[in-house]
Amino acid sequence: MELRGKQKRYLRATAHDMRPLFSVGKQGLTPNWLEQLGSAIDKRELFKVNILNNSDVTVSEVKEYIEANSNIQVVQTIGHTLLLFGQAQNPKYRDYSVTVAKI
């Protein structure tokens, strides 16, 4: 699902007070880390990822890696934090995606 402007605005407003759920550190980007992101998306649909200061990757590298290797979309990047969204496989966990589809 390609997000439009109003949908992104809704997701940004919803995630405003969220704390980052995942971090990227010294080990960088690995397939195992991306698999964990996918599992979390299936349960939550919307969360933040923080890039630590000791990481060897940049924000743009993380964004490109996530979008190229998964169905997860980067909604927003602020500083070292990325906001990620993806539709859950299980309809039971589709809270945000149902609302976003109506916007």
C-alpha atoms as a PDB file:
ATOM      1  CA  MET A   1       0.000   0.000   0.000  1.00  0.00           C
ATOM      2  CA  GLU A   2       1.498   3.328  -1.077  1.00  0.00           C
ATOM      3  CA  LEU A   3       0.826   5.974   1.552  1.00  0.00           C
ATOM      4  CA  ARG A   4      -0.587   9.370   0.646  1.00  0.00           C
ATOM      5  CA  GLY A   5       0.113  12.625   2.476  1.00  0.00           C
ATOM      6  CA  LYS A   6      -2.896  12.543   4.801  1.00  0.00           C
ATOM      7  CA  GLN A   7      -2.205   8.938   5.713  1.00  0.00           C
ATOM      8  CA  LYS A   8       1.409   9.741   6.586  1.00  0.00           C
ATOM      9  CA  ARG A   9       0.277  12.726   8.641  1.00  0.00           C
ATOM     10  CA  TYR A  10      -2.096  10.479  10.619  1.00  0.00           C
ATOM     11  CA  LEU A  11       0.652   7.928  11.276  1.00  0.00           C
ATOM     12  CA  ARG A  12       3.128  10.620  12.353  1.00  0.00           C
ATOM     13  CA  ALA A  13       0.581  12.095  14.765  1.00  0.00           C
ATOM     14  CA  THR A  14      -0.237   8.666  16.175  1.00  0.00           C
ATOM     15  CA  ALA A  15       3.412   7.780  16.734  1.00  0.00           C
ATOM     16  CA  HIS A  16       4.393  11.131  18.229  1.00  0.00           C
ATOM     17  CA  ASP A  17       4.672   9.900  21.818  1.00  0.00           C
ATOM     18  CA  MET A  18       6.071   6.428  21.003  1.00  0.00           C
ATOM     19  CA  ARG A  19       9.535   5.424  22.125  1.00  0.00           C
ATOM     20  CA  PRO A  20      11.865   3.556  19.724  1.00  0.00           C
ATOM     21  CA  LEU A  21      11.319  -0.196  19.800  1.00  0.00           C
ATOM     22  CA  PHE A  22      14.486  -1.255  17.921  1.00  0.00           C
ATOM     23  CA  SER A  23      18.017   0.098  17.620  1.00  0.00           C
ATOM     24  CA  VAL A  24      20.780  -0.158  15.044  1.00  0.00           C
ATOM     25  CA  GLY A  25      24.183  -0.416  16.685  1.00  0.00           C
ATOM     26  CA  LYS A  26      27.684  -1.671  15.981  1.00  0.00           C
ATOM     27  CA  GLN A  27      26.522  -4.822  14.222  1.00  0.00           C
ATOM     28  CA  GLY A  28      24.702  -2.741  11.637  1.00  0.00           C
ATOM     29  CA  LEU A  29      22.094  -4.126   9.290  1.00  0.00           C
ATOM     30  CA  THR A  30      21.692  -7.888   9.202  1.00  0.00           C
ATOM     31  CA  PRO A  31      19.041 -10.190   7.729  1.00  0.00           C
ATOM     32  CA  ASN A  32      18.266 -11.389  11.268  1.00  0.00           C
ATOM     33  CA  TRP A  33      17.591  -7.792  12.396  1.00  0.00           C
ATOM     34  CA  LEU A  34      15.301  -7.255   9.405  1.00  0.00           C
ATOM     35  CA  GLU A  35      13.461 -10.485  10.211  1.00  0.00           C
ATOM     36  CA  GLN A  36      12.848  -9.211  13.746  1.00  0.00           C
ATOM     37  CA  LEU A  37      11.460  -5.969  12.292  1.00  0.00           C
ATOM     38  CA  GLY A  38       9.076  -8.001  10.136  1.00  0.00           C
ATOM     39  CA  SER A  39       7.875  -9.971  13.160  1.00  0.00           C
ATOM     40  CA  ALA A  40       7.273  -6.760  15.095  1.00  0.00           C
ATOM     41  CA  ILE A  41       5.371  -5.203  12.167  1.00  0.00           C
ATOM     42  CA  ASP A  42       3.078  -8.239  12.145  1.00  0.00           C
ATOM     43  CA  LYS A  43       2.131  -7.494  15.764  1.00  0.00           C
ATOM     44  CA  ARG A  44       2.259  -3.678  15.964  1.00  0.00           C
ATOM     45  CA  GLU A  45       2.149  -2.223  12.418  1.00  0.00           C
ATOM     46  CA  LEU A  46       3.714   1.061  13.565  1.00  0.00           C
ATOM     47  CA  PHE A  47       6.879   1.700  15.585  1.00  0.00           C
ATOM     48  CA  LYS A  48      10.114   3.646  15.729  1.00  0.00           C
ATOM     49  CA  VAL A  49      13.732   2.564  15.186  1.00  0.00           C
ATOM     50  CA  ASN A  50      16.684   4.452  16.653  1.00  0.00           C
ATOM     51  CA  ILE A  51      20.167   4.548  15.105  1.00  0.00           C
ATOM     52  CA  LEU A  52      22.810   4.644  17.838  1.00  0.00           C
ATOM     53  CA  ASN A  53      25.816   6.975  17.707  1.00  0.00           C
ATOM     54  CA  ASN A  54      28.273   4.063  17.517  1.00  0.00           C
ATOM     55  CA  SER A  55      26.595   2.652  14.404  1.00  0.00           C
ATOM     56  CA  ASP A  56      28.514   2.518  11.121  1.00  0.00           C
ATOM     57  CA  VAL A  57      25.401   3.136   8.988  1.00  0.00           C
ATOM     58  CA  THR A  58      23.583   6.358   8.170  1.00  0.00           C
ATOM     59  CA  VAL A  59      19.859   7.063   8.335  1.00  0.00           C
ATOM     60  CA  SER A  60      19.540   6.955   4.542  1.00  0.00           C
ATOM     61  CA  GLU A  61      21.332   3.577   4.371  1.00  0.00           C
ATOM     62  CA  VAL A  62      18.953   2.108   6.959  1.00  0.00           C
ATOM     63  CA  LYS A  63      15.942   3.513   5.095  1.00  0.00           C
ATOM     64  CA  GLU A  64      17.094   2.095   1.755  1.00  0.00           C
ATOM     65  CA  TYR A  65      17.911  -1.305   3.300  1.00  0.00           C
ATOM     66  CA  ILE A  66      14.508  -1.639   4.968  1.00  0.00           C
ATOM     67  CA  GLU A  67      12.467  -0.537   1.946  1.00  0.00           C
ATOM     68  CA  ALA A  68      14.501  -2.624  -0.538  1.00  0.00           C
ATOM     69  CA  ASN A  69      14.387  -5.873   1.447  1.00  0.00           C
ATOM     70  CA  SER A  70      10.904  -5.859   3.006  1.00  0.00           C
ATOM     71  CA  ASN A  71       7.323  -4.612   2.691  1.00  0.00           C
ATOM     72  CA  ILE A  72       7.916  -2.103   5.489  1.00  0.00           C
ATOM     73  CA  GLN A  73       7.603   1.582   4.622  1.00  0.00           C
ATOM     74  CA  VAL A  74       9.563   4.373   6.251  1.00  0.00           C
ATOM     75  CA  VAL A  75       6.969   7.038   7.036  1.00  0.00           C
ATOM     76  CA  GLN A  76       9.309   9.631   8.530  1.00  0.00           C
ATOM     77  CA  THR A  77      12.900  10.217   9.573  1.00  0.00           C
ATOM     78  CA  ILE A  78      13.809  12.722  12.263  1.00  0.00           C
ATOM     79  CA  GLY A  79      17.447  12.890  13.276  1.00  0.00           C
ATOM     80  CA  HIS A  80      18.505   9.323  14.075  1.00  0.00           C
ATOM     81  CA  THR A  81      14.953   7.984  14.394  1.00  0.00           C
ATOM     82  CA  LEU A  82      12.841   6.312  11.706  1.00  0.00           C
ATOM     83  CA  LEU A  83       9.099   5.725  11.851  1.00  0.00           C
ATOM     84  CA  LEU A  84       8.136   2.424  10.218  1.00  0.00           C
ATOM     85  CA  PHE A  85       4.742   1.182   9.034  1.00  0.00           C
ATOM     86  CA  GLY A  86       3.587  -2.070   7.490  1.00  0.00           C
ATOM     87  CA  GLN A  87       0.335  -3.959   7.261  1.00  0.00           C
ATOM     88  CA  ALA A  88       0.061  -6.963   9.586  1.00  0.00           C
ATOM     89  CA  GLN A  89      -0.407 -10.376   8.003  1.00  0.00           C
ATOM     90  CA  ASN A  90      -2.954 -11.407  10.634  1.00  0.00           C
ATOM     91  CA  PRO A  91      -6.222  -9.390  10.374  1.00  0.00           C
ATOM     92  CA  LYS A  92      -6.516  -9.548  14.171  1.00  0.00           C
ATOM     93  CA  TYR A  93      -3.579  -7.105  14.513  1.00  0.00           C
ATOM     94  CA  ARG A  94      -4.645  -4.641  11.805  1.00  0.00           C
ATOM     95  CA  ASP A  95      -5.504  -1.544  13.805  1.00  0.00           C
ATOM     96  CA  TYR A  96      -3.579   1.224  12.085  1.00  0.00           C
ATOM     97  CA  SER A  97      -3.880  -0.164   8.550  1.00  0.00           C
ATOM     98  CA  VAL A  98      -7.683  -0.298   8.736  1.00  0.00           C
ATOM     99  CA  THR A  99      -7.809   3.340   9.826  1.00  0.00           C
ATOM    100  CA  VAL A 100      -5.217   4.394   7.229  1.00  0.00           C
ATOM    101  CA  ALA A 101      -7.204   2.694   4.448  1.00  0.00           C
ATOM    102  CA  LYS A 102     -10.257   4.816   5.353  1.00  0.00           C
ATOM    103  CA  ILE A 103      -8.341   8.102   5.108  1.00  0.00           C
END
